[in-house]
């Protein structure tokens, strides 16, 4: 894993769009069909977006940050996982990335690794629960899937939390 550089925003978008298209083709409305640069660029510039690379091919991306308004009612120190996307050629890498994120968060003194997904994505929810994440309730978010606070209808979002050692 390495930080995404400012010249790699197109690579981040390519992975996100590939995975979003794959999900959309299967009827999963987790994310918008395509991501806009304005949605990912701030996290890349802040050094919060990471890439999994093999032989110079970008296989996956994830953004880790220390704040998420969906968790305002749970103020404990945490790292939040956003936009974890793994290309199909690297299927299975997601669990290793979550493990890496948990180790990184624990090393930074965080008590929890947190993430969310649309409540209707039962398969992903089962995946997180099998990985040790605990369901911490559902909330409604306005806007399109993957959006926060944008105009549109409400979307149910399930929150998950993994307690970290230490």
N, C-alpha and C. Protein backbone atom coordinates (compact mmCIF):
# COMPACT_ATOMS: atom_id res chain seq x y z
N UNK A 1 0.86 -1.18 0.00
CA UNK A 1 0.00 0.00 0.00
C UNK A 1 0.90 1.23 0.00
N UNK A 2 0.50 2.20 -0.81
CA UNK A 2 1.21 3.48 -0.81
C UNK A 2 0.20 4.59 -1.05
N UNK A 3 0.56 5.79 -0.59
CA UNK A 3 -0.32 6.94 -0.78
C UNK A 3 -0.47 7.26 -2.26
N UNK A 4 -1.67 7.65 -2.63
CA UNK A 4 -1.90 8.11 -4.01
C UNK A 4 -1.30 9.50 -4.15
N UNK A 5 -0.58 9.71 -5.22
CA UNK A 5 -0.01 11.02 -5.49
C UNK A 5 -0.98 11.88 -6.29
N UNK A 6 -0.70 13.17 -6.35
CA UNK A 6 -1.60 14.08 -7.05
C UNK A 6 -1.73 13.75 -8.53
N UNK A 7 -0.71 13.13 -9.10
CA UNK A 7 -0.77 12.73 -10.50
C UNK A 7 -1.51 11.42 -10.73
N UNK A 8 -2.06 10.83 -9.67
CA UNK A 8 -2.72 9.53 -9.78
C UNK A 8 -4.24 9.60 -9.55
N UNK A 9 -4.79 10.79 -9.57
CA UNK A 9 -6.24 10.93 -9.38
C UNK A 9 -6.99 10.16 -10.47
N UNK A 10 -6.49 10.19 -11.69
CA UNK A 10 -7.14 9.45 -12.78
C UNK A 10 -7.11 7.94 -12.50
N UNK A 11 -6.04 7.44 -11.88
CA UNK A 11 -5.96 6.02 -11.52
C UNK A 11 -6.99 5.67 -10.45
N UNK A 12 -7.14 6.54 -9.46
CA UNK A 12 -8.13 6.33 -8.40
C UNK A 12 -9.52 6.29 -9.03
N UNK A 13 -9.81 7.26 -9.89
CA UNK A 13 -11.12 7.32 -10.55
C UNK A 13 -11.37 6.09 -11.41
N UNK A 14 -10.34 5.61 -12.09
CA UNK A 14 -10.50 4.43 -12.96
C UNK A 14 -10.91 3.21 -12.14
N UNK A 15 -10.28 3.01 -10.98
CA UNK A 15 -10.64 1.87 -10.13
C UNK A 15 -12.05 2.04 -9.60
N UNK A 16 -12.36 3.22 -9.07
CA UNK A 16 -13.70 3.47 -8.53
C UNK A 16 -14.77 3.28 -9.59
N UNK A 17 -14.54 3.81 -10.78
CA UNK A 17 -15.53 3.69 -11.85
C UNK A 17 -15.70 2.25 -12.31
N UNK A 18 -14.60 1.51 -12.39
CA UNK A 18 -14.70 0.10 -12.79
C UNK A 18 -15.55 -0.68 -11.78
N UNK A 19 -15.27 -0.49 -10.50
CA UNK A 19 -16.00 -1.21 -9.46
C UNK A 19 -17.45 -0.73 -9.38
N UNK A 20 -17.66 0.59 -9.49
CA UNK A 20 -19.03 1.12 -9.46
C UNK A 20 -19.85 0.57 -10.62
N UNK A 21 -19.25 0.46 -11.80
CA UNK A 21 -19.94 -0.10 -12.96
C UNK A 21 -20.27 -1.57 -12.75
N UNK A 22 -19.34 -2.31 -12.17
CA UNK A 22 -19.56 -3.73 -11.89
C UNK A 22 -20.71 -3.90 -10.90
N UNK A 23 -20.72 -3.09 -9.84
CA UNK A 23 -21.81 -3.14 -8.86
C UNK A 23 -23.14 -2.78 -9.50
N UNK A 24 -23.14 -1.70 -10.26
CA UNK A 24 -24.37 -1.22 -10.90
C UNK A 24 -24.95 -2.28 -11.83
N UNK A 25 -24.09 -2.98 -12.57
CA UNK A 25 -24.54 -4.02 -13.49
C UNK A 25 -25.21 -5.18 -12.75
N UNK A 26 -24.91 -5.30 -11.47
CA UNK A 26 -25.50 -6.36 -10.65
C UNK A 26 -26.64 -5.86 -9.77
N UNK A 27 -27.07 -4.63 -10.03
CA UNK A 27 -28.20 -4.07 -9.31
C UNK A 27 -27.88 -3.56 -7.92
N UNK A 28 -26.59 -3.43 -7.60
CA UNK A 28 -26.18 -2.91 -6.28
C UNK A 28 -25.97 -1.41 -6.40
N UNK A 29 -26.73 -0.65 -5.66
CA UNK A 29 -26.66 0.82 -5.73
C UNK A 29 -25.85 1.38 -4.57
N UNK A 30 -24.64 0.87 -4.42
CA UNK A 30 -23.74 1.32 -3.35
C UNK A 30 -23.16 2.70 -3.68
N UNK A 31 -22.81 2.91 -4.93
CA UNK A 31 -22.13 4.13 -5.36
C UNK A 31 -22.78 4.69 -6.61
N UNK A 32 -22.41 5.94 -6.96
CA UNK A 32 -22.88 6.46 -8.25
C UNK A 32 -22.22 5.65 -9.38
N UNK A 33 -22.83 5.61 -10.56
CA UNK A 33 -22.23 4.85 -11.66
C UNK A 33 -20.83 5.34 -12.04
N UNK A 34 -20.58 6.63 -11.85
CA UNK A 34 -19.26 7.20 -12.12
C UNK A 34 -18.94 8.23 -11.04
N UNK A 35 -17.68 8.28 -10.65
CA UNK A 35 -17.23 9.25 -9.67
C UNK A 35 -16.68 10.48 -10.37
N UNK A 36 -16.93 11.63 -9.79
CA UNK A 36 -16.39 12.88 -10.32
C UNK A 36 -15.09 13.21 -9.59
N UNK A 37 -14.18 13.82 -10.32
CA UNK A 37 -12.88 14.19 -9.76
C UNK A 37 -13.02 15.01 -8.48
N UNK A 38 -14.00 15.90 -8.47
CA UNK A 38 -14.20 16.77 -7.31
C UNK A 38 -14.52 15.97 -6.04
N UNK A 39 -15.01 14.75 -6.19
CA UNK A 39 -15.36 13.91 -5.03
C UNK A 39 -14.14 13.21 -4.43
N UNK A 40 -13.10 12.99 -5.21
CA UNK A 40 -11.94 12.24 -4.70
C UNK A 40 -10.68 13.10 -4.56
N UNK A 41 -10.58 14.16 -5.31
CA UNK A 41 -9.37 14.98 -5.30
C UNK A 41 -8.99 15.52 -3.91
N UNK A 42 -9.94 16.04 -3.13
CA UNK A 42 -9.54 16.57 -1.81
C UNK A 42 -8.86 15.52 -0.92
N UNK A 43 -9.35 14.29 -0.94
CA UNK A 43 -8.74 13.23 -0.12
C UNK A 43 -7.36 12.85 -0.63
N UNK A 44 -7.16 12.87 -1.95
CA UNK A 44 -5.84 12.59 -2.50
C UNK A 44 -4.88 13.70 -2.08
N UNK A 45 -5.30 14.94 -2.23
CA UNK A 45 -4.44 16.07 -1.86
C UNK A 45 -4.12 16.09 -0.37
N UNK A 46 -5.03 15.59 0.45
CA UNK A 46 -4.82 15.54 1.90
C UNK A 46 -3.98 14.34 2.33
N UNK A 47 -3.62 13.47 1.39
CA UNK A 47 -2.82 12.29 1.72
C UNK A 47 -3.62 11.18 2.36
N UNK A 48 -4.94 11.18 2.17
CA UNK A 48 -5.82 10.19 2.80
C UNK A 48 -6.16 9.01 1.90
N UNK A 49 -5.81 9.09 0.63
CA UNK A 49 -6.15 8.03 -0.33
C UNK A 49 -4.93 7.18 -0.61
N UNK A 50 -5.16 5.87 -0.61
CA UNK A 50 -4.09 4.89 -0.76
C UNK A 50 -4.36 4.00 -1.96
N UNK A 51 -3.28 3.44 -2.51
CA UNK A 51 -3.37 2.53 -3.64
C UNK A 51 -2.69 1.21 -3.31
N UNK A 52 -3.28 0.12 -3.75
CA UNK A 52 -2.62 -1.18 -3.74
C UNK A 52 -2.10 -1.38 -5.16
N UNK A 53 -0.79 -1.55 -5.28
CA UNK A 53 -0.15 -1.61 -6.59
C UNK A 53 0.67 -2.90 -6.70
N UNK A 54 0.60 -3.53 -7.86
CA UNK A 54 1.39 -4.73 -8.14
C UNK A 54 2.02 -4.55 -9.52
N UNK A 55 3.34 -4.55 -9.56
CA UNK A 55 4.04 -4.36 -10.83
C UNK A 55 3.54 -3.12 -11.57
N UNK A 56 3.35 -2.03 -10.82
CA UNK A 56 2.92 -0.74 -11.36
C UNK A 56 1.47 -0.71 -11.84
N UNK A 57 0.71 -1.78 -11.63
CA UNK A 57 -0.72 -1.78 -11.95
C UNK A 57 -1.50 -1.48 -10.69
N UNK A 58 -2.39 -0.51 -10.76
CA UNK A 58 -3.22 -0.17 -9.61
C UNK A 58 -4.34 -1.19 -9.50
N UNK A 59 -4.37 -1.90 -8.38
CA UNK A 59 -5.35 -2.97 -8.16
C UNK A 59 -6.53 -2.53 -7.30
N UNK A 60 -6.28 -1.56 -6.41
CA UNK A 60 -7.32 -1.16 -5.47
C UNK A 60 -7.02 0.23 -4.93
N UNK A 61 -8.04 0.82 -4.34
CA UNK A 61 -7.89 2.11 -3.68
C UNK A 61 -8.75 2.14 -2.43
N UNK A 62 -8.33 2.92 -1.47
CA UNK A 62 -9.10 3.13 -0.24
C UNK A 62 -8.73 4.50 0.31
N UNK A 63 -9.70 5.14 0.93
CA UNK A 63 -9.47 6.41 1.61
C UNK A 63 -9.69 6.20 3.09
N UNK A 64 -8.74 6.68 3.89
CA UNK A 64 -8.81 6.60 5.35
C UNK A 64 -8.76 8.01 5.91
N UNK A 65 -9.74 8.35 6.73
CA UNK A 65 -9.69 9.66 7.38
C UNK A 65 -10.13 9.54 8.83
N UNK A 66 -10.11 10.65 9.54
CA UNK A 66 -10.36 10.61 10.98
C UNK A 66 -11.68 11.24 11.38
N UNK A 67 -12.56 11.55 10.43
CA UNK A 67 -13.85 12.15 10.76
C UNK A 67 -14.91 11.68 9.78
N UNK A 68 -16.13 11.51 10.29
CA UNK A 68 -17.27 11.16 9.44
C UNK A 68 -18.52 11.59 10.17
N UNK A 69 -19.29 12.46 9.55
CA UNK A 69 -20.47 13.01 10.22
C UNK A 69 -21.53 11.95 10.51
N UNK A 70 -21.49 10.82 9.81
CA UNK A 70 -22.43 9.74 10.10
C UNK A 70 -22.19 9.12 11.47
N UNK A 71 -21.04 9.41 12.06
CA UNK A 71 -20.67 8.84 13.35
C UNK A 71 -20.58 9.89 14.44
N UNK A 72 -21.21 11.03 14.27
CA UNK A 72 -21.13 12.11 15.25
C UNK A 72 -21.60 11.66 16.64
N UNK A 73 -22.48 10.68 16.69
CA UNK A 73 -22.99 10.19 17.98
C UNK A 73 -22.06 9.15 18.62
N UNK A 74 -20.92 8.87 18.01
CA UNK A 74 -19.92 7.93 18.54
C UNK A 74 -18.55 8.63 18.48
N UNK A 75 -18.23 9.47 19.47
CA UNK A 75 -17.05 10.33 19.37
C UNK A 75 -15.69 9.67 19.61
N UNK A 76 -15.62 8.40 19.97
CA UNK A 76 -14.33 7.77 20.27
C UNK A 76 -13.38 7.87 19.08
N UNK A 77 -12.09 7.85 19.38
CA UNK A 77 -11.05 7.94 18.37
C UNK A 77 -11.18 6.80 17.36
N UNK A 78 -11.27 7.16 16.08
CA UNK A 78 -11.47 6.14 15.04
C UNK A 78 -10.87 6.57 13.72
N UNK A 79 -10.60 5.58 12.89
CA UNK A 79 -10.26 5.81 11.49
C UNK A 79 -11.46 5.31 10.68
N UNK A 80 -11.82 6.08 9.65
CA UNK A 80 -12.99 5.77 8.82
C UNK A 80 -12.53 5.33 7.44
N UNK A 81 -13.09 4.22 6.99
CA UNK A 81 -12.79 3.66 5.68
C UNK A 81 -13.83 4.18 4.69
N UNK A 82 -13.34 4.76 3.60
CA UNK A 82 -14.23 5.24 2.54
C UNK A 82 -13.71 4.76 1.18
N UNK A 83 -14.63 4.53 0.29
CA UNK A 83 -14.31 4.22 -1.10
C UNK A 83 -13.27 3.10 -1.25
N UNK A 84 -13.46 2.02 -0.52
CA UNK A 84 -12.63 0.83 -0.71
C UNK A 84 -13.11 0.14 -1.98
N UNK A 85 -12.24 0.08 -2.97
CA UNK A 85 -12.61 -0.51 -4.26
C UNK A 85 -11.46 -1.38 -4.76
N UNK A 86 -11.79 -2.61 -5.13
CA UNK A 86 -10.80 -3.57 -5.62
C UNK A 86 -11.21 -4.02 -7.01
N UNK A 87 -10.28 -3.89 -7.94
CA UNK A 87 -10.56 -4.37 -9.31
C UNK A 87 -10.81 -5.87 -9.28
N UNK A 88 -11.64 -6.34 -10.20
CA UNK A 88 -12.00 -7.75 -10.25
C UNK A 88 -10.79 -8.66 -10.42
N UNK A 89 -9.76 -8.20 -11.11
CA UNK A 89 -8.55 -9.02 -11.29
C UNK A 89 -7.85 -9.28 -9.97
N UNK A 90 -8.19 -8.51 -8.93
CA UNK A 90 -7.57 -8.67 -7.61
C UNK A 90 -8.61 -9.05 -6.56
N UNK A 91 -9.69 -9.69 -6.99
CA UNK A 91 -10.75 -10.09 -6.05
C UNK A 91 -10.13 -10.84 -4.87
N UNK A 92 -10.58 -10.51 -3.67
CA UNK A 92 -10.05 -11.10 -2.45
C UNK A 92 -9.07 -10.20 -1.72
N UNK A 93 -8.62 -9.16 -2.38
CA UNK A 93 -7.66 -8.23 -1.78
C UNK A 93 -8.30 -7.33 -0.72
N UNK A 94 -9.60 -7.17 -0.78
CA UNK A 94 -10.28 -6.27 0.15
C UNK A 94 -10.06 -6.61 1.61
N UNK A 95 -10.09 -7.89 1.95
CA UNK A 95 -9.87 -8.30 3.33
C UNK A 95 -8.48 -7.95 3.82
N UNK A 96 -7.49 -8.09 2.95
CA UNK A 96 -6.11 -7.72 3.32
C UNK A 96 -5.99 -6.22 3.49
N UNK A 97 -6.70 -5.46 2.67
CA UNK A 97 -6.66 -4.00 2.82
C UNK A 97 -7.32 -3.59 4.13
N UNK A 98 -8.43 -4.21 4.48
CA UNK A 98 -9.07 -3.90 5.77
C UNK A 98 -8.14 -4.25 6.93
N UNK A 99 -7.42 -5.36 6.84
CA UNK A 99 -6.46 -5.72 7.88
C UNK A 99 -5.35 -4.69 7.98
N UNK A 100 -4.83 -4.25 6.84
CA UNK A 100 -3.80 -3.21 6.82
C UNK A 100 -4.33 -1.93 7.45
N UNK A 101 -5.56 -1.54 7.09
CA UNK A 101 -6.16 -0.32 7.63
C UNK A 101 -6.33 -0.42 9.14
N UNK A 102 -6.72 -1.59 9.63
CA UNK A 102 -6.89 -1.78 11.08
C UNK A 102 -5.54 -1.65 11.80
N UNK A 103 -4.50 -2.25 11.25
CA UNK A 103 -3.17 -2.15 11.86
C UNK A 103 -2.68 -0.71 11.86
N UNK A 104 -2.90 -0.02 10.77
CA UNK A 104 -2.48 1.38 10.66
C UNK A 104 -3.23 2.24 11.68
N UNK A 105 -4.55 2.05 11.77
CA UNK A 105 -5.35 2.82 12.71
C UNK A 105 -4.92 2.56 14.15
N UNK A 106 -4.67 1.30 14.49
CA UNK A 106 -4.23 0.96 15.85
C UNK A 106 -2.88 1.60 16.15
N UNK A 107 -1.97 1.59 15.18
CA UNK A 107 -0.65 2.20 15.37
C UNK A 107 -0.76 3.70 15.59
N UNK A 108 -1.81 4.31 15.05
CA UNK A 108 -2.03 5.75 15.23
C UNK A 108 -2.82 6.05 16.51
N UNK A 109 -3.10 5.02 17.31
CA UNK A 109 -3.78 5.21 18.57
C UNK A 109 -5.30 5.22 18.50
N UNK A 110 -5.85 4.82 17.39
CA UNK A 110 -7.31 4.78 17.25
C UNK A 110 -7.88 3.56 17.98
N UNK A 111 -9.10 3.70 18.46
CA UNK A 111 -9.78 2.62 19.16
C UNK A 111 -10.65 1.78 18.22
N UNK A 112 -11.04 2.38 17.07
CA UNK A 112 -11.97 1.70 16.17
C UNK A 112 -11.61 1.96 14.71
N UNK A 113 -11.96 0.99 13.87
CA UNK A 113 -11.98 1.16 12.42
C UNK A 113 -13.46 1.12 12.05
N UNK A 114 -13.93 2.15 11.38
CA UNK A 114 -15.36 2.26 11.07
C UNK A 114 -15.58 2.41 9.57
N UNK A 115 -16.73 1.93 9.13
CA UNK A 115 -17.11 2.07 7.72
C UNK A 115 -18.62 1.98 7.61
N UNK A 116 -19.11 2.22 6.41
CA UNK A 116 -20.55 2.10 6.18
C UNK A 116 -20.80 1.59 4.77
N UNK A 117 -22.02 1.13 4.55
CA UNK A 117 -22.45 0.70 3.22
C UNK A 117 -23.96 0.87 3.15
N UNK A 118 -24.51 0.85 1.94
CA UNK A 118 -25.97 0.97 1.84
C UNK A 118 -26.59 -0.22 2.56
N UNK A 119 -27.64 0.05 3.29
CA UNK A 119 -28.27 -0.99 4.12
C UNK A 119 -28.82 -2.14 3.28
N UNK A 120 -29.17 -1.88 2.04
CA UNK A 120 -29.74 -2.93 1.18
C UNK A 120 -28.71 -3.91 0.63
N UNK A 121 -27.41 -3.62 0.82
CA UNK A 121 -26.36 -4.49 0.30
C UNK A 121 -26.05 -5.59 1.32
N UNK A 122 -26.93 -6.57 1.41
CA UNK A 122 -26.81 -7.64 2.41
C UNK A 122 -25.51 -8.42 2.26
N UNK A 123 -25.08 -8.65 1.03
CA UNK A 123 -23.86 -9.42 0.81
C UNK A 123 -22.64 -8.70 1.41
N UNK A 124 -22.55 -7.39 1.21
CA UNK A 124 -21.44 -6.64 1.76
C UNK A 124 -21.54 -6.56 3.28
N UNK A 125 -22.74 -6.41 3.79
CA UNK A 125 -22.94 -6.39 5.24
C UNK A 125 -22.48 -7.71 5.86
N UNK A 126 -22.84 -8.82 5.24
CA UNK A 126 -22.40 -10.13 5.73
C UNK A 126 -20.88 -10.24 5.69
N UNK A 127 -20.27 -9.70 4.64
CA UNK A 127 -18.82 -9.72 4.50
C UNK A 127 -18.16 -8.98 5.66
N UNK A 128 -18.65 -7.78 5.96
CA UNK A 128 -18.08 -7.00 7.07
C UNK A 128 -18.27 -7.71 8.40
N UNK A 129 -19.44 -8.29 8.61
CA UNK A 129 -19.69 -9.00 9.86
C UNK A 129 -18.77 -10.22 9.99
N UNK A 130 -18.55 -10.94 8.90
CA UNK A 130 -17.65 -12.10 8.91
C UNK A 130 -16.21 -11.66 9.18
N UNK A 131 -15.88 -10.42 8.83
CA UNK A 131 -14.53 -9.89 9.06
C UNK A 131 -14.37 -9.34 10.47
N UNK A 132 -15.41 -9.46 11.30
CA UNK A 132 -15.31 -9.03 12.69
C UNK A 132 -15.90 -7.67 13.00
N UNK A 133 -16.46 -7.01 12.00
CA UNK A 133 -17.09 -5.71 12.24
C UNK A 133 -18.45 -5.91 12.90
N UNK A 134 -18.77 -5.02 13.81
CA UNK A 134 -20.05 -5.08 14.53
C UNK A 134 -21.00 -4.02 13.97
N UNK A 135 -22.23 -4.43 13.69
CA UNK A 135 -23.23 -3.49 13.18
C UNK A 135 -23.57 -2.49 14.28
N UNK A 136 -23.47 -1.21 13.97
CA UNK A 136 -23.72 -0.16 14.95
C UNK A 136 -24.92 0.70 14.58
N UNK A 137 -25.84 0.13 13.86
CA UNK A 137 -27.07 0.83 13.56
C UNK A 137 -27.13 1.37 12.14
N UNK A 138 -28.33 1.70 11.74
CA UNK A 138 -28.58 2.26 10.42
C UNK A 138 -28.98 3.72 10.56
N UNK A 139 -28.60 4.52 9.58
CA UNK A 139 -28.98 5.93 9.52
C UNK A 139 -29.45 6.23 8.11
N UNK A 140 -30.21 7.30 7.95
CA UNK A 140 -30.63 7.72 6.62
C UNK A 140 -29.79 8.90 6.17
N UNK A 141 -29.40 8.87 4.92
CA UNK A 141 -28.60 9.92 4.31
C UNK A 141 -29.35 10.41 3.09
N UNK A 142 -29.41 11.72 2.90
CA UNK A 142 -30.06 12.24 1.70
C UNK A 142 -29.06 12.28 0.56
N UNK A 143 -29.57 12.12 -0.63
CA UNK A 143 -28.72 12.18 -1.81
C UNK A 143 -28.55 10.82 -2.45
N UNK A 144 -27.82 10.79 -3.55
CA UNK A 144 -27.60 9.53 -4.27
C UNK A 144 -26.67 8.62 -3.50
N UNK A 145 -26.65 7.32 -3.82
CA UNK A 145 -25.70 6.42 -3.17
C UNK A 145 -24.28 6.94 -3.30
N UNK A 146 -23.54 6.86 -2.21
CA UNK A 146 -22.17 7.36 -2.21
C UNK A 146 -22.10 8.84 -1.97
N UNK A 147 -23.23 9.52 -1.95
CA UNK A 147 -23.26 10.96 -1.72
C UNK A 147 -23.63 11.27 -0.29
N UNK A 148 -23.26 12.43 0.16
CA UNK A 148 -23.60 12.84 1.51
C UNK A 148 -24.20 14.24 1.45
N UNK A 149 -25.48 14.33 1.78
CA UNK A 149 -26.11 15.63 1.88
C UNK A 149 -26.47 16.29 0.56
N UNK A 150 -26.43 15.55 -0.52
CA UNK A 150 -26.80 16.12 -1.81
C UNK A 150 -28.30 15.96 -2.01
N UNK A 151 -28.90 16.80 -2.84
CA UNK A 151 -30.34 16.67 -3.08
C UNK A 151 -30.70 15.28 -3.60
N UNK A 152 -31.83 14.81 -3.18
CA UNK A 152 -32.29 13.50 -3.63
C UNK A 152 -33.05 12.80 -2.53
N UNK A 153 -33.40 11.58 -2.78
CA UNK A 153 -34.15 10.81 -1.80
C UNK A 153 -33.21 10.25 -0.72
N UNK A 154 -33.80 9.84 0.39
CA UNK A 154 -33.03 9.28 1.49
C UNK A 154 -32.57 7.86 1.16
N UNK A 155 -31.38 7.52 1.62
CA UNK A 155 -30.80 6.20 1.43
C UNK A 155 -30.45 5.65 2.81
N UNK A 156 -30.83 4.41 3.09
CA UNK A 156 -30.46 3.77 4.34
C UNK A 156 -29.02 3.31 4.30
N UNK A 157 -28.27 3.64 5.34
CA UNK A 157 -26.85 3.30 5.42
C UNK A 157 -26.60 2.53 6.71
N UNK A 158 -25.91 1.41 6.61
CA UNK A 158 -25.54 0.60 7.77
C UNK A 158 -24.12 0.95 8.20
N UNK A 159 -23.95 1.20 9.49
CA UNK A 159 -22.64 1.55 10.03
C UNK A 159 -22.03 0.32 10.71
N UNK A 160 -20.72 0.14 10.50
CA UNK A 160 -19.99 -0.99 11.07
C UNK A 160 -18.72 -0.50 11.76
N UNK A 161 -18.35 -1.22 12.83
CA UNK A 161 -17.22 -0.82 13.65
C UNK A 161 -16.42 -2.05 14.06
N UNK A 162 -15.11 -1.93 13.98
CA UNK A 162 -14.20 -2.98 14.42
C UNK A 162 -13.38 -2.42 15.58
N UNK A 163 -13.48 -3.05 16.76
CA UNK A 163 -12.67 -2.63 17.90
C UNK A 163 -11.22 -3.02 17.64
N UNK A 164 -10.30 -2.09 17.91
CA UNK A 164 -8.89 -2.32 17.66
C UNK A 164 -8.16 -2.64 18.96
N UNK A 165 -7.10 -3.44 18.89
CA UNK A 165 -6.34 -3.75 20.11
C UNK A 165 -5.66 -2.51 20.66
N UNK A 166 -5.47 -2.53 21.96
CA UNK A 166 -4.72 -1.43 22.57
C UNK A 166 -5.54 -0.66 23.45
